[in-house]
Protein backbone atom coordinates (compact mmCIF):
# COMPACT_ATOMS: atom_id res chain seq x y z
CA MET A 1 -282.85 210.06 102.39
CA ASP A 2 -281.29 213.43 101.53
CA LYS A 3 -283.77 215.18 99.17
CA ASP A 4 -281.09 217.42 97.60
CA LEU A 5 -279.03 214.33 96.74
CA LEU A 6 -282.10 212.65 95.35
CA LEU A 7 -283.06 215.68 93.15
CA TYR A 8 -279.49 216.12 91.90
CA VAL A 9 -279.18 212.52 90.80
CA LYS A 10 -282.60 212.61 89.14
CA ASN A 11 -281.75 215.80 87.17
CA GLN A 12 -278.47 214.33 85.99
CA LEU A 13 -280.22 211.21 84.82
CA ASP A 14 -282.82 213.29 82.97
CA ILE A 15 -280.17 215.17 81.00
CA GLY A 16 -278.56 211.88 80.03
CA THR A 17 -275.58 211.71 82.38
CA ASP A 18 -274.24 208.21 82.78
CA ARG A 19 -274.76 206.55 86.21
CA ALA A 20 -271.05 205.80 86.61
CA VAL A 21 -270.20 209.48 86.00
CA ILE A 22 -272.82 210.56 88.59
CA ALA A 23 -271.52 208.06 91.18
CA ARG A 24 -267.85 209.05 90.67
CA THR A 25 -268.72 212.77 90.92
CA LEU A 26 -270.65 212.20 94.17
CA GLN A 27 -267.81 210.17 95.68
CA GLU A 28 -264.96 212.45 94.66
CA GLN A 29 -266.59 215.85 95.05
CA GLY A 30 -269.44 215.25 97.50
CA GLY A 31 -267.89 212.55 99.69
CA TRP A 32 -270.94 210.28 99.40
CA SER A 33 -270.44 206.58 100.06
CA GLU A 34 -271.27 203.83 97.61
CA ASP A 35 -274.14 202.65 99.80
CA ASP A 36 -275.73 206.14 99.84
CA ILE A 37 -275.38 206.44 96.08
CA ALA A 38 -276.82 202.94 95.52
CA ALA A 39 -279.75 203.79 97.81
CA VAL A 40 -280.50 206.96 95.78
CA PHE A 41 -280.51 205.02 92.48
CA ALA A 42 -282.78 202.40 94.07
CA GLU A 43 -285.19 205.03 95.37
CA LEU A 44 -285.38 206.82 92.01
CA GLN A 45 -286.06 203.56 90.24
CA ALA A 46 -288.81 202.63 92.70
CA SER A 47 -290.49 206.03 92.60
CA ALA A 48 -289.97 206.82 88.86
CA PRO A 49 -293.71 207.23 87.76
CA PRO A 50 -294.74 209.83 90.33
CA LEU A 51 -291.50 211.74 90.04
CA VAL A 52 -291.76 212.09 86.26
CA LYS A 53 -294.18 215.00 86.60
CA GLU A 54 -291.62 216.94 88.56
CA SER A 55 -288.71 215.98 86.37
CA TYR A 56 -286.72 218.48 84.47
CA VAL A 57 -286.96 218.23 80.61
CA SER A 58 -284.01 219.26 78.53
CA PRO A 59 -284.95 221.67 75.65
CA HIS A 60 -282.18 220.19 73.52
CA THR A 61 -283.62 216.66 73.74
CA SER A 62 -287.17 217.82 72.84
CA ASN A 63 -286.02 219.78 69.78
CA SER A 64 -284.03 216.79 68.47
CA LYS A 65 -287.09 214.52 68.51
CA THR A 66 -289.30 217.14 66.84
CA MET A 67 -286.84 217.72 64.02
CA SER A 68 -286.59 213.98 63.36
CA LYS A 69 -290.36 213.68 62.99
CA LEU A 70 -290.49 216.73 60.72
CA LEU A 71 -287.74 215.34 58.50
CA VAL A 72 -289.60 212.04 58.08
CA ALA A 73 -292.82 213.85 57.22
CA LEU A 74 -291.12 216.05 54.62
CA THR A 75 -289.47 213.00 53.05
CA ILE A 76 -292.81 211.21 52.72
CA ILE A 77 -294.44 214.30 51.20
CA PHE A 78 -291.58 214.66 48.70
CA LEU A 79 -291.89 211.02 47.63
CA ILE A 80 -295.64 211.39 47.14
CA ILE A 81 -295.16 214.52 45.00
CA ALA A 82 -292.44 212.80 42.97
CA LEU A 83 -294.69 209.80 42.31
CA LEU A 84 -297.57 212.04 41.28
CA LEU A 85 -295.43 214.07 38.91
CA GLY A 86 -293.81 210.98 37.43
CA GLY A 87 -297.17 209.28 36.88
CA ALA A 88 -298.63 212.41 35.32
CA GLY A 89 -295.65 212.69 32.99
CA TYR A 90 -296.02 209.06 31.94
CA LEU A 91 -299.74 209.51 31.27
CA TYR A 92 -299.08 212.69 29.30
CA LEU A 93 -296.29 211.23 27.16
CA ASN A 94 -298.36 208.14 26.39
CA GLN A 95 -301.66 210.03 26.06
CA LEU A 96 -303.37 208.02 28.79
CA GLY A 97 -305.89 208.77 31.52
CA PRO A 98 -306.95 212.44 31.73
CA PHE A 99 -304.39 213.33 29.02
CA ALA A 100 -305.76 210.80 26.49
CA GLU A 101 -306.68 212.29 23.10
CA ARG A 102 -310.16 211.77 21.77
CA ALA A 103 -310.39 209.94 18.46
CA PRO A 104 -311.43 212.39 15.71
CA TYR A 105 -314.42 210.29 14.59
CA ASP A 106 -317.06 208.03 16.08
CA GLU A 107 -320.01 206.16 14.59
CA SER A 108 -322.07 209.36 14.42
CA ASN A 109 -319.70 211.22 12.06
CA LEU A 110 -317.31 208.64 10.63
CA ALA A 111 -318.55 208.50 7.01
CA SER A 112 -319.10 212.25 6.55
CA GLY A 113 -315.88 213.02 8.44
CA LEU A 114 -313.81 210.86 6.12
CA LEU A 115 -315.40 212.53 3.08
CA ALA A 116 -314.58 215.97 4.50
CA SER A 117 -311.01 214.80 5.04
CA PHE A 118 -310.68 213.80 1.38
CA ALA A 119 -312.35 217.02 0.22
CA ASN A 120 -309.69 219.06 2.03
CA ILE A 121 -306.84 217.36 0.16
CA LYS A 122 -305.27 219.69 -2.41
CA THR A 123 -301.96 217.92 -2.94
CA ALA A 124 -301.00 214.37 -2.04
CA LYS A 125 -299.14 211.26 -3.04
CA TYR A 126 -301.24 208.12 -3.34
CA ASN A 127 -300.37 204.48 -3.60
CA VAL A 128 -302.93 201.79 -4.28
CA ALA A 129 -301.74 198.20 -4.01
CA GLY A 130 -303.82 195.13 -4.73
CA LYS A 131 -303.14 191.43 -4.56
CA LEU A 132 -305.20 188.37 -5.47
CA GLU A 133 -303.54 185.22 -4.20
CA MET A 134 -304.40 181.61 -3.56
CA THR A 135 -303.27 180.88 0.01
CA ASP A 136 -303.60 178.07 2.55
CA ARG A 137 -307.13 177.85 3.90
CA ASP A 138 -307.87 179.28 7.36
CA GLN A 139 -309.46 177.00 9.93
CA ASP A 140 -312.68 179.02 10.03
CA ALA A 141 -312.93 179.41 6.23
CA ARG A 142 -316.06 177.94 4.64
CA PRO A 143 -317.28 177.82 1.01
CA PHE A 144 -320.35 179.81 0.06
CA VAL A 145 -323.53 177.76 0.00
CA LEU A 146 -326.77 179.30 -1.21
CA PRO A 147 -329.56 177.91 1.00
CA PRO A 148 -332.74 176.63 -0.68
CA SER A 149 -335.38 179.33 -0.79
CA THR A 150 -338.85 179.82 -2.16
CA ASP A 151 -337.77 183.34 -3.15
CA ILE A 152 -335.32 181.92 -5.68
CA GLU A 153 -337.98 179.66 -7.19
CA LYS A 154 -340.40 182.58 -7.35
CA LEU A 155 -337.79 184.82 -8.97
CA GLN A 156 -337.05 182.14 -11.57
CA GLN A 157 -340.74 181.96 -12.48
CA GLN A 158 -340.91 185.76 -12.77
CA TYR A 159 -337.95 185.80 -15.16
CA THR A 160 -339.55 183.05 -17.23
CA ASN A 161 -342.82 184.96 -17.42
CA ASP A 162 -341.11 188.21 -18.41
CA SER A 163 -339.10 186.40 -21.07
CA ASN A 164 -342.36 185.11 -22.56
CA ARG A 165 -343.86 188.60 -22.46
CA LEU A 166 -340.88 190.07 -24.29
CA ASN A 167 -341.05 187.28 -26.88
CA ASP A 168 -344.70 188.15 -27.50
CA VAL A 169 -343.92 191.86 -27.86
CA SER A 170 -340.97 191.15 -30.16
CA THR A 171 -343.09 188.85 -32.35
CA MET A 172 -345.86 191.41 -32.73
CA LEU A 173 -343.47 194.27 -33.53
CA ASN A 174 -341.51 192.20 -36.03
CA HIS A 175 -344.66 191.15 -37.90
CA VAL A 176 -345.78 194.75 -38.11
CA ASN A 177 -342.48 196.27 -39.18
CA TYR A 178 -340.68 193.52 -41.08
CA TYR A 179 -342.89 190.58 -41.96
CA SER A 180 -346.39 190.07 -43.24
CA ILE A 181 -348.61 192.70 -41.66
CA SER A 182 -349.00 196.03 -43.40
CA SER A 183 -351.62 198.71 -43.31
CA PRO A 184 -354.33 198.39 -42.19
CA LEU A 185 -353.15 197.06 -38.84
CA PRO A 186 -355.14 194.42 -36.97
CA LYS A 187 -357.97 196.02 -35.02
CA THR A 188 -357.85 193.60 -32.11
CA ILE A 189 -355.42 191.28 -30.43
CA SER A 190 -357.45 188.35 -31.82
CA GLU A 191 -356.82 189.52 -35.39
CA PHE A 192 -353.15 189.76 -34.54
CA GLU A 193 -353.23 186.15 -33.33
CA SER A 194 -354.93 184.92 -36.49
CA VAL A 195 -352.08 186.32 -38.60
CA VAL A 196 -349.12 185.28 -36.45
CA PHE A 197 -350.41 181.81 -35.60
CA ASP A 198 -351.68 180.98 -39.08
CA PRO A 199 -349.89 177.80 -40.22
CA ALA A 200 -350.10 179.00 -43.81
CA SER A 201 -348.13 182.13 -42.97
CA PRO A 202 -344.43 182.06 -43.95
CA PHE A 203 -343.72 183.59 -40.55
CA TYR A 204 -345.83 181.12 -38.58
CA ARG A 205 -344.95 180.88 -34.92
CA TYR A 206 -345.78 177.70 -33.10
CA ASP A 207 -347.19 178.33 -29.65
CA VAL A 208 -349.06 175.99 -27.34
CA ASP A 209 -351.67 178.60 -26.46
CA GLN A 210 -351.76 180.15 -29.94
CA ARG A 211 -352.61 183.41 -28.18
CA PHE A 212 -351.00 186.66 -27.02
CA ILE A 213 -351.87 186.42 -23.33
CA ASP A 214 -350.07 187.33 -20.14
CA PRO A 215 -348.42 184.15 -18.78
CA GLU A 216 -349.38 184.95 -15.20
CA SER A 217 -352.86 186.47 -15.38
CA ARG A 218 -353.82 184.45 -18.50
CA THR A 219 -355.57 187.52 -19.91
CA PRO A 220 -354.88 189.20 -23.30
CA TYR A 221 -352.51 192.15 -23.45
CA GLN A 222 -354.11 195.58 -23.84
CA TYR A 223 -353.96 196.35 -27.58
CA THR A 224 -355.65 199.33 -29.23
CA LEU A 225 -355.22 201.17 -32.53
CA SER A 226 -354.03 204.78 -32.53
CA GLU A 227 -353.31 207.59 -35.01
CA ASP A 228 -356.28 206.68 -37.20
CA GLY A 229 -355.16 203.10 -37.49
CA GLN A 230 -351.60 203.91 -38.50
CA SER A 231 -350.12 202.83 -35.15
CA PHE A 232 -351.13 201.07 -31.99
CA THR A 233 -350.47 200.90 -28.25
CA LEU A 234 -349.57 197.64 -26.59
CA ILE A 235 -349.57 197.75 -22.78
CA VAL A 236 -347.62 195.05 -20.95
CA THR A 237 -346.95 194.79 -17.22
CA PHE A 238 -343.76 192.96 -16.24
CA GLU A 239 -342.83 191.32 -12.97
CA THR A 240 -339.09 192.10 -12.78
CA HIS A 241 -337.20 195.36 -12.96
CA ALA A 242 -334.60 193.56 -15.07
CA ALA A 243 -337.14 193.21 -17.87
CA VAL A 244 -338.09 196.88 -17.59
CA LYS A 245 -334.40 197.78 -17.74
CA ALA A 246 -333.99 195.71 -20.92
CA VAL A 247 -336.92 197.58 -22.50
CA ARG A 248 -335.56 200.98 -21.46
CA THR A 249 -332.16 200.14 -22.94
CA SER A 250 -333.67 199.29 -26.33
CA ASN A 251 -336.36 201.99 -26.21
CA PRO A 252 -335.19 205.06 -24.28
CA GLN A 253 -338.31 207.03 -25.37
CA THR A 254 -340.86 204.34 -24.50
CA ALA A 255 -343.43 205.30 -21.85
CA ILE A 256 -342.72 203.37 -18.66
CA ASN A 257 -344.68 203.62 -15.42
CA ASP A 258 -343.05 201.48 -12.77
CA LYS A 259 -343.28 198.00 -14.39
CA THR A 260 -345.94 198.85 -16.95
CA VAL A 261 -344.65 199.60 -20.47
CA THR A 262 -346.61 201.09 -23.38
CA PHE A 263 -345.22 199.92 -26.74
CA THR A 264 -346.05 201.48 -30.10
CA LYS A 265 -345.41 200.63 -33.74
CA GLU A 266 -342.15 202.62 -33.57
CA SER A 267 -340.79 200.64 -30.61
CA ALA A 268 -337.68 198.54 -31.09
CA SER A 269 -338.32 194.81 -31.21
CA TRP A 270 -335.04 193.45 -29.85
CA PHE A 271 -334.42 193.06 -26.12
CA ASN A 272 -331.34 191.76 -24.29
CA PHE A 273 -332.94 189.70 -21.54
CA SER A 274 -332.10 186.31 -20.11
CA PRO A 275 -334.87 184.03 -18.85
CA THR A 276 -332.55 182.94 -16.03
CA PRO A 277 -331.95 185.23 -13.03
CA PRO A 278 -328.34 186.26 -12.52
CA LYS A 279 -326.53 184.11 -10.01
CA PRO A 280 -324.76 185.57 -6.98
CA TYR A 281 -321.10 186.25 -7.65
CA PHE A 282 -320.04 183.75 -4.98
CA GLU A 283 -322.04 181.00 -6.66
CA THR A 284 -320.49 181.88 -10.01
CA PHE A 285 -317.07 181.71 -8.35
CA ASN A 286 -317.89 178.22 -7.10
CA GLU A 287 -318.72 177.11 -10.66
CA MET A 288 -315.46 178.42 -12.11
CA ALA A 289 -313.24 177.26 -9.22
CA ASP A 290 -312.23 174.09 -11.09
CA PHE A 291 -310.39 176.24 -13.64
CA LEU A 292 -308.29 178.18 -11.09
CA PRO A 293 -304.65 177.14 -10.53
CA PRO A 294 -303.64 176.49 -6.91
CA GLU A 295 -300.58 178.77 -7.31
CA LEU A 296 -302.53 181.79 -8.57
CA ILE A 297 -300.95 185.20 -7.80
CA PHE A 298 -301.96 188.53 -9.30
CA GLU A 299 -300.51 191.85 -8.11
CA ALA A 300 -301.14 195.43 -9.18
CA SER A 301 -300.12 198.82 -7.87
CA LEU A 302 -300.93 202.38 -8.84
CA ALA A 303 -298.77 205.22 -7.56
CA ALA A 304 -300.03 208.74 -8.14
CA ALA A 305 -299.36 212.32 -7.17
CA THR A 306 -301.96 215.06 -7.65
CA ASP A 307 -302.01 218.82 -7.36
CA PHE A 308 -305.57 220.21 -7.43
CA SER A 309 -304.60 223.63 -6.15
CA GLY A 310 -304.77 225.24 -9.63
CA GLU A 311 -307.43 225.57 -12.30
CA ASN A 312 -305.83 222.84 -14.42
CA PRO A 313 -304.62 220.15 -12.04
CA ASN A 314 -301.31 218.41 -12.68
CA TRP A 315 -300.96 214.74 -11.86
CA THR A 316 -298.77 211.73 -12.42
CA THR A 317 -299.54 208.02 -12.25
CA ALA A 318 -297.53 204.82 -12.47
CA LEU A 319 -299.27 201.49 -13.05
CA ASP A 320 -297.62 198.11 -12.49
CA MET A 321 -299.18 194.66 -12.76
CA ALA A 322 -297.73 191.17 -12.46
CA GLY A 323 -299.33 187.75 -12.58
CA ASP A 324 -298.39 184.13 -11.99
CA PHE A 325 -300.77 181.42 -13.19
CA GLY A 326 -298.40 178.52 -12.73
CA ASP A 327 -297.18 177.94 -16.27
CA LEU A 328 -297.81 181.56 -17.31
CA THR A 329 -296.29 184.71 -15.84
CA TYR A 330 -296.45 188.27 -17.09
CA LYS A 331 -295.57 191.84 -16.17
CA ILE A 332 -297.06 195.14 -17.32
CA GLY A 333 -295.98 198.65 -16.35
CA GLY A 334 -296.46 202.18 -17.59
CA ASP A 335 -296.69 205.85 -16.65
CA LEU A 336 -299.12 208.61 -17.52
CA GLU A 337 -298.68 212.25 -16.51
CA ARG A 338 -300.30 215.59 -17.09
CA HIS A 339 -298.31 218.82 -16.95
CA GLU A 340 -300.10 222.03 -17.82
CA GLU A 341 -301.99 221.20 -21.05
CA ASN A 342 -299.90 218.25 -22.22
CA TYR A 343 -300.03 214.55 -21.45
CA TYR A 344 -296.98 212.29 -21.27
CA LEU A 345 -297.11 208.52 -21.46
CA ARG A 346 -294.52 205.77 -21.28
CA VAL A 347 -294.66 201.97 -21.48
CA ARG A 348 -292.10 200.24 -19.27
CA HIS A 349 -293.15 196.59 -19.33
CA ILE A 350 -295.48 194.68 -21.65
CA PRO A 351 -295.51 191.01 -22.77
CA GLY A 352 -293.93 190.61 -26.17
CA PRO A 353 -296.91 188.94 -27.94
CA PHE A 354 -299.13 191.87 -26.98
CA ALA A 355 -296.64 194.67 -27.51
CA GLY A 356 -297.15 195.11 -31.23
CA ALA A 357 -296.04 198.58 -32.32
CA LEU A 358 -295.32 199.48 -28.69
CA SER A 359 -292.22 197.28 -28.52
CA GLN A 360 -290.04 199.87 -30.29
CA TYR A 361 -291.18 202.65 -27.95
CA LYS A 362 -290.71 200.94 -24.59
CA ASN A 363 -289.23 203.25 -21.92
CA THR A 364 -289.75 206.25 -24.21
CA TRP A 365 -291.77 209.22 -23.00
CA ILE A 366 -294.33 210.35 -25.60
CA ARG A 367 -295.83 213.83 -25.41
CA VAL A 368 -299.46 214.24 -26.44
CA THR A 369 -300.47 217.84 -27.10
CA PRO A 370 -304.00 219.30 -27.37
CA SER A 371 -303.51 219.87 -31.09
CA PHE A 372 -302.64 216.21 -31.57
CA LEU A 373 -305.76 215.14 -29.69
CA GLU A 374 -307.86 217.34 -31.95
CA SER A 375 -306.36 215.85 -35.10
CA GLN A 376 -308.21 213.21 -37.10
CA ASN A 377 -307.58 209.46 -36.97
CA THR A 378 -305.79 209.76 -33.63
CA ASN A 379 -307.17 206.48 -32.37
CA GLN A 380 -305.91 204.62 -35.44
CA THR A 381 -302.32 205.67 -35.23
CA LEU A 382 -301.27 206.12 -31.61
CA PRO A 383 -300.38 202.83 -29.86
CA ILE A 384 -302.33 203.85 -26.74
CA ASN A 385 -305.66 205.63 -27.02
CA VAL A 386 -305.54 208.79 -24.88
CA SER A 387 -307.97 210.84 -26.95
CA GLY A 388 -310.69 210.47 -24.33
CA LEU A 389 -308.68 212.02 -21.50
CA PRO A 390 -309.62 215.69 -22.10
CA GLU A 391 -313.29 214.80 -22.43
CA ALA A 392 -313.14 212.66 -19.29
CA GLU A 393 -311.50 215.48 -17.33
CA GLU A 394 -314.05 217.99 -18.62
CA THR A 395 -316.93 215.68 -17.71
CA TYR A 396 -315.44 215.27 -14.26
CA LYS A 397 -315.20 219.04 -13.81
CA GLU A 398 -318.79 219.54 -14.93
CA ASN A 399 -320.20 216.86 -12.64
CA ARG A 400 -317.79 217.28 -9.74
CA ALA A 401 -320.01 219.66 -7.78
CA LYS A 402 -323.11 217.54 -8.36
CA ILE A 403 -321.31 214.31 -7.46
CA ALA A 404 -319.70 215.87 -4.38
CA SER A 405 -323.04 217.19 -3.16
CA TYR A 406 -324.68 213.80 -3.67
CA LEU A 407 -321.85 211.92 -1.96
CA LYS A 408 -321.99 214.31 0.97
CA ARG A 409 -325.68 213.62 1.41
CA VAL A 410 -325.17 209.86 1.01
CA LEU A 411 -322.57 209.82 3.75
CA GLU A 412 -324.74 211.97 5.98
CA ILE A 413 -327.45 209.35 5.55
CA ALA A 414 -324.87 206.67 6.33
CA ASP A 415 -324.08 208.44 9.61
CA GLU A 416 -327.75 208.91 10.42
CA GLN A 417 -328.46 205.23 9.83
CA LYS A 418 -325.16 204.19 11.46
CA ILE A 419 -324.49 202.08 8.38
CA ILE A 420 -320.79 201.87 9.27
CA LEU A 421 -320.14 200.33 12.68
CA LEU A 422 -316.98 200.04 14.76
CA GLU A 423 -316.03 196.47 15.58
CA LYS A 424 -314.13 197.85 18.58
CA PRO A 425 -313.16 201.30 19.93
CA PRO A 426 -310.54 203.20 17.88
CA GLN A 427 -307.01 202.16 18.79
CA LEU A 428 -304.10 204.61 19.04
CA VAL A 429 -301.14 202.98 17.28
CA LYS A 430 -297.68 203.97 16.11
CA GLN A 431 -296.80 203.42 12.47
CA ASN A 432 -293.53 204.67 11.02
CA ASP A 433 -293.05 206.89 14.10
CA GLU A 434 -296.44 208.53 13.49
CA ARG A 435 -299.34 208.31 15.91
CA LEU A 436 -302.50 207.11 14.12
CA TYR A 437 -305.99 206.03 15.07
CA ARG A 438 -307.05 202.67 13.70
CA TYR A 439 -310.73 202.05 12.94
CA ASP A 440 -311.85 198.45 12.33
CA LEU A 441 -315.18 198.72 10.54
CA THR A 442 -318.13 196.60 9.51
CA VAL A 443 -321.51 197.24 7.86
CA ASN A 444 -324.84 197.49 9.68
CA LYS A 445 -327.05 194.94 7.96
CA ALA A 446 -330.17 195.91 9.93
CA ASN A 447 -330.27 199.43 8.43
CA PHE A 448 -328.83 198.63 5.00
CA LEU A 449 -332.18 198.46 3.17
CA THR A 450 -333.32 201.78 4.66
CA PHE A 451 -329.98 203.31 3.68
CA VAL A 452 -330.33 202.20 0.04
CA GLN A 453 -333.95 203.38 -0.10
CA GLN A 454 -333.01 206.84 1.15
CA THR A 455 -329.98 207.19 -1.14
CA THR A 456 -332.09 206.07 -4.13
CA ALA A 457 -334.67 208.73 -3.30
CA GLU A 458 -331.86 211.28 -2.93
CA ALA A 459 -330.52 210.37 -6.39
CA GLU A 460 -333.96 210.95 -7.89
CA LYS A 461 -334.38 214.21 -5.98
CA SER A 462 -331.00 215.62 -7.03
CA ASN A 463 -331.53 214.48 -10.66
CA ILE A 464 -328.13 212.77 -10.60
CA SER A 465 -329.80 209.50 -11.62
CA SER A 466 -330.28 210.93 -15.14
CA ASP A 467 -326.50 210.84 -15.58
CA PHE A 468 -325.95 207.71 -13.49
CA PRO A 469 -329.03 205.46 -13.92
CA PHE A 470 -327.63 202.71 -11.68
CA LEU A 471 -328.19 205.01 -8.69
CA ASN A 472 -331.94 204.60 -9.16
CA ASP A 473 -332.10 200.85 -9.66
CA THR A 474 -335.42 199.81 -8.16
CA GLY A 475 -334.58 196.19 -8.94
CA LEU A 476 -331.83 196.39 -6.35
CA LEU A 477 -334.38 197.33 -3.69
CA GLU A 478 -336.34 194.17 -4.45
CA TYR A 479 -333.20 192.05 -4.36
CA LEU A 480 -332.21 193.42 -0.93
CA GLN A 481 -335.38 191.90 0.50
CA THR A 482 -334.72 188.33 -0.69
CA ASP A 483 -333.29 185.36 1.17
CA GLU A 484 -330.53 185.20 -1.41
CA PHE A 485 -329.30 188.67 -0.43
CA ASP A 486 -329.30 187.67 3.25
CA ALA A 487 -327.02 184.73 2.49
CA VAL A 488 -324.72 186.78 0.25
CA PHE A 489 -324.49 189.66 2.74
CA ASP A 490 -323.71 187.37 5.69
CA TYR A 491 -320.97 185.59 3.76
CA PHE A 492 -319.51 188.90 2.64
CA ILE A 493 -319.38 190.36 6.17
CA ASN A 494 -317.99 187.16 7.72
CA ASN A 495 -315.06 187.13 5.28
CA LEU A 496 -314.31 190.85 5.20
CA THR A 497 -311.84 193.00 7.13
CA PHE A 498 -311.90 196.75 6.61
CA SER A 499 -309.64 199.20 8.45
CA VAL A 500 -309.04 202.94 8.22
CA PHE A 501 -306.05 204.75 9.70
CA VAL A 502 -306.28 208.50 10.34
CA THR A 503 -303.97 211.05 11.93
CA THR A 504 -304.87 212.68 15.23
CA ASP A 505 -306.42 215.60 13.33
CA GLY A 506 -308.61 213.25 11.22
CA THR A 507 -306.64 213.17 7.94
CA VAL A 508 -306.92 209.81 6.19
CA LYS A 509 -303.57 208.06 6.10
CA GLU A 510 -304.36 204.51 5.04
CA ILE A 511 -307.31 202.32 4.08
CA GLY A 512 -306.98 198.55 4.14
CA TYR A 513 -309.41 195.95 2.79
CA THR A 514 -309.20 192.17 2.60
CA PHE A 515 -311.79 189.67 1.43
CA ARG A 516 -311.64 185.90 1.50
CA MET A 517 -313.37 183.58 -0.96
CA VAL A 518 -313.30 179.85 -0.32
CA PRO A 519 -313.56 177.40 -3.25
CA PRO A 520 -316.14 174.59 -2.94
CA ASP A 521 -315.00 171.16 -1.85
CA SER A 522 -315.85 169.87 -5.33
CA ALA A 523 -312.72 171.66 -6.59
CA GLU A 524 -310.31 168.92 -5.55
CA ALA A 525 -307.11 170.85 -6.31
CA LEU A 526 -308.27 173.72 -4.06
CA GLN A 527 -309.70 171.83 -1.10
CA LYS A 528 -307.08 173.31 1.24
CA LYS A 529 -306.88 176.69 -0.47
CA GLN A 530 -308.65 180.03 -0.31
CA LEU A 531 -308.58 183.06 -2.61
CA LEU A 532 -307.55 186.18 -0.73
CA LEU A 533 -308.12 189.65 -2.17
CA SER A 534 -306.31 192.53 -0.46
CA LEU A 535 -306.38 196.24 -1.32
CA GLN A 536 -304.49 199.05 0.38
CA LEU A 537 -304.59 202.80 -0.17
CA THR A 538 -301.93 204.99 1.46
CA LEU A 539 -301.58 208.76 1.36
CA ASP A 540 -298.39 210.73 1.99
CA ASP A 541 -297.35 214.38 1.95
CA VAL A 542 -300.97 215.52 2.23
CA ASN A 543 -301.24 219.25 1.43
CA GLU A 544 -297.46 219.52 1.35
CA PRO A 545 -295.71 221.40 -1.47
CA LEU A 546 -295.63 219.10 -4.50
CA SER A 547 -293.64 219.58 -7.68
CA ILE A 548 -294.89 217.82 -10.83
CA SER A 549 -292.72 218.54 -13.85
CA ALA A 550 -292.65 217.28 -17.40
CA PRO A 551 -290.09 214.58 -18.36
CA ASP A 552 -286.72 215.95 -19.42
CA THR A 553 -286.62 213.96 -22.65
CA PHE A 554 -289.56 212.83 -24.75
CA ARG A 555 -290.74 212.29 -28.31
CA ASP A 556 -293.73 214.05 -29.76
CA ALA A 557 -296.78 211.95 -30.61
CA THR A 558 -296.85 213.48 -34.08
CA GLU A 559 -293.46 211.90 -34.83
CA ILE A 560 -294.63 208.53 -33.55
CA MET A 561 -297.75 208.77 -35.69
CA ALA A 562 -295.72 209.50 -38.79
CA GLU A 563 -293.45 206.51 -38.15
CA LEU A 564 -296.42 204.19 -37.73
CA GLN A 565 -298.09 205.29 -40.94
CA PRO A 566 -297.63 202.67 -43.68
CA PRO A 567 -295.86 203.96 -46.80
CA GLN A 568 -298.31 205.13 -49.42
CA GLU A 569 -297.99 203.76 -52.96
CA PRO A 570 -297.99 206.39 -55.75
CA ALA A 571 -301.36 206.84 -57.39
CA LEU A 572 -301.65 205.33 -60.87
CA ASP A 573 -302.18 207.76 -63.78
CA THR A 574 -305.19 206.35 -65.62
CA SER A 575 -305.78 209.34 -67.84
CA THR A 576 -304.20 207.61 -70.92
CA GLU A 577 -306.31 204.51 -70.45
CA GLU A 578 -309.43 206.58 -70.09
CA ILE A 579 -308.64 208.52 -73.28
CA SER A 580 -307.83 205.41 -75.27
CA SER A 581 -310.96 203.70 -74.10
CA THR A 582 -313.04 206.55 -75.40
CA THR A 583 -311.24 207.17 -78.71
CA THR A 584 -310.24 203.70 -79.91
CA PRO A 585 -313.09 201.93 -81.66
CA PRO A 586 -313.70 198.34 -80.65
CA GLN A 587 -312.26 195.69 -82.92
CA GLU A 588 -314.19 192.79 -84.30
CA ASP A 589 -313.42 189.36 -83.02
CA LEU A 590 -311.32 187.36 -85.38
């Protein structure tokens, strides 16, 4: 076999020349026969593996394959980059993954953070809407049932005992100050008993024991004379804080140490105290459910705008109420504004039977000036009493710093005790094209007693309880430890929804509250109904420029007062009668 022929054919095949072209070229130009050419192709095919090493490789073919692989690799890389960029853009636009915003509050700073948000509000528009409606009963709705408890029986006995103690004190004080006992006063409690329980006395009091003794310990009260026998001290220890509260209300100056009270001759003898413990509100609701109509609807809304940026804040409010009790419907609406030093009020809707003198001034703005408020008999002439507004605003200014400081500490305690819990993580939602965080909240029952104890101590420490005594109600602390409170609290939490919406920077936007009360099955007309209370507070234009201006047209309160004054009759001139009565001698009877 000719090696040159063999190498030529092989090289032509390697560069891609077609076999037919090679054979025709060899026949026409080289003179090779078909048999020789066929033998060369057969030899190359048989010896292809070993001859590959010596084959000639075309640079053009190698570059083409390399470029194809490079193009595929670049395409894959481009697609990967595009997917990464697209995914990152989606996460960024939707605030997901590494681009997700953190909610402004968590359980550690929610209460104090919300207070700080409100404190930073200088101008805003508010709207408070409330609705009380009888609706179809939910499947999981259950009436409130107060479980039997020894605590309730014990509390009832304590109220009965304290009622007897107060009756004894009242009887002794009344006999000293109003009835039969005068100086000298009885030296002992036994002498007191001999006077009060003497059947011959016109002020005899029938009593089984015929003694002034404590109903629980069965020992006499501590009674001693004082001030050289001109007065006395009567020491009584009560079992309930409600009784102590009744004494303090009637006798603000009486010495009280916890539940021990020291009465004197000057102590008041009348006390407003019931021998029956107050019932839980839910139980009271059950008792009055029979009187509620199944189509009950009551709605109210209060729209307001405030500007606290200046020394004398301007504000405007609009109140609307409407009710439907089946056979009775009504509607009430009015406005009250303050601009600079003046107040402006207007009545828009009021039921006719209750309108009285207001009916002729409906939809009329009335201006109330400081001089009018200072005038006498204001409350008797103006259809709506607004005389207390300046004093209320002044009281608010005086106590604002103290109240704000106390509230700040209370909410710090709430955060420390985690008294407000999140039912689920904050949710980022869209509402009216605004991105808001929604907090669904509940109350931490386990720490509630500790929270109240600490806030009560804080009220005493800050001396705010002197202005607001209810903040230091030790009776509440006792109630929080009863079985009754456990039942009331559980029912309250199980029927409550409470949500707060804030902007991404933590500004309060909306607060929503709903509570469900279920009538007892004994109320036949309401067996498939429930009473739903809903409240909603929304804030708009927070810290935005706000213009509050006085009404364009109004009437002055002085004019209204003059119109409402009844016409005065002319005074009679009695001078002639007086003269005649003194100068004319009496005539004898005929």
